[in-house]
Amino acid sequence: MPGGSVRRREDGGPEPVKVDVDAAIERFLAGPALGEATRRAYAADLRDFARWLEHEHVALDQVD
């Protein structure tokens, strides 16, 4: 929104942001802090987690 304002729900809370899980995983895995073996292991685990979220109809932004 212009000026950096946050959209608000009727109850005054911020609007939830839809997060593209696959894009979030790729951004995380692209980080320079991960070694190649760690990146491969995390990739498999995160993709399994993304499939579970989809199966359970849970959005990534709902996970704490």
Protein backbone atom coordinates (compact mmCIF):
# COMPACT_ATOMS: atom_id res chain seq x y z
CA MET A 1 0.00 0.00 0.00
CA PRO A 2 1.23 3.55 -0.59
CA GLY A 3 3.23 5.11 2.19
CA GLY A 4 3.95 1.72 3.77
CA SER A 5 0.58 1.55 5.51
CA VAL A 6 -0.76 -1.85 6.52
CA ARG A 7 -4.20 -3.03 5.49
CA ARG A 8 -6.40 -3.75 8.49
CA ARG A 9 -9.22 -6.21 9.09
CA GLU A 10 -12.52 -5.09 10.59
CA ASP A 11 -11.26 -6.12 14.04
CA GLY A 12 -8.21 -3.85 13.62
CA GLY A 13 -5.67 -6.63 13.11
CA PRO A 14 -3.34 -6.67 10.11
CA GLU A 15 -4.45 -8.46 6.95
CA PRO A 16 -2.78 -11.87 6.62
CA VAL A 17 -0.12 -12.05 3.92
CA LYS A 18 -0.34 -14.97 1.50
CA VAL A 19 3.09 -16.57 1.33
CA ASP A 20 4.11 -18.65 -1.69
CA VAL A 21 5.60 -21.66 0.09
CA ASP A 22 7.72 -22.82 -2.85
CA ALA A 23 9.16 -19.33 -3.36
CA ALA A 24 9.90 -19.03 0.37
CA ILE A 25 11.71 -22.38 0.34
CA GLU A 26 13.79 -21.38 -2.69
CA ARG A 27 14.72 -18.03 -1.10
CA PHE A 28 15.80 -19.79 2.09
CA LEU A 29 17.81 -22.43 0.24
CA ALA A 30 19.54 -19.78 -1.89
CA GLY A 31 21.10 -18.23 1.22
CA PRO A 32 24.89 -18.30 1.35
CA ALA A 33 25.02 -19.65 4.92
CA LEU A 34 24.10 -23.22 3.92
CA GLY A 35 26.59 -25.85 2.85
CA GLU A 36 25.66 -28.01 -0.14
CA ALA A 37 24.89 -31.14 1.92
CA THR A 38 22.79 -29.09 4.34
CA ARG A 39 20.98 -27.42 1.43
CA ARG A 40 20.06 -30.83 -0.07
CA ALA A 41 18.84 -32.20 3.27
CA TYR A 42 16.83 -29.06 4.07
CA ALA A 43 15.35 -29.03 0.56
CA ALA A 44 13.91 -32.53 0.97
CA ASP A 45 12.57 -31.79 4.45
CA LEU A 46 11.07 -28.43 3.50
CA ARG A 47 9.34 -29.83 0.43
CA ASP A 48 7.86 -32.63 2.55
CA PHE A 49 6.67 -29.99 5.02
CA ALA A 50 5.15 -27.92 2.18
CA ARG A 51 3.20 -30.97 0.95
CA TRP A 52 1.96 -31.59 4.49
CA LEU A 53 0.82 -27.97 4.82
CA GLU A 54 -1.08 -28.26 1.55
CA HIS A 55 -2.68 -31.57 2.60
CA GLU A 56 -3.78 -30.04 5.91
CA HIS A 57 -4.97 -26.80 4.21
CA VAL A 58 -2.64 -24.72 6.38
CA ALA A 59 -1.04 -21.58 4.99
CA LEU A 60 2.62 -20.95 5.76
CA ASP A 61 1.77 -17.65 7.42
CA GLN A 62 -0.39 -19.60 9.93
CA VAL A 63 2.62 -21.53 11.20
CA ASP A 64 4.43 -20.21 14.25
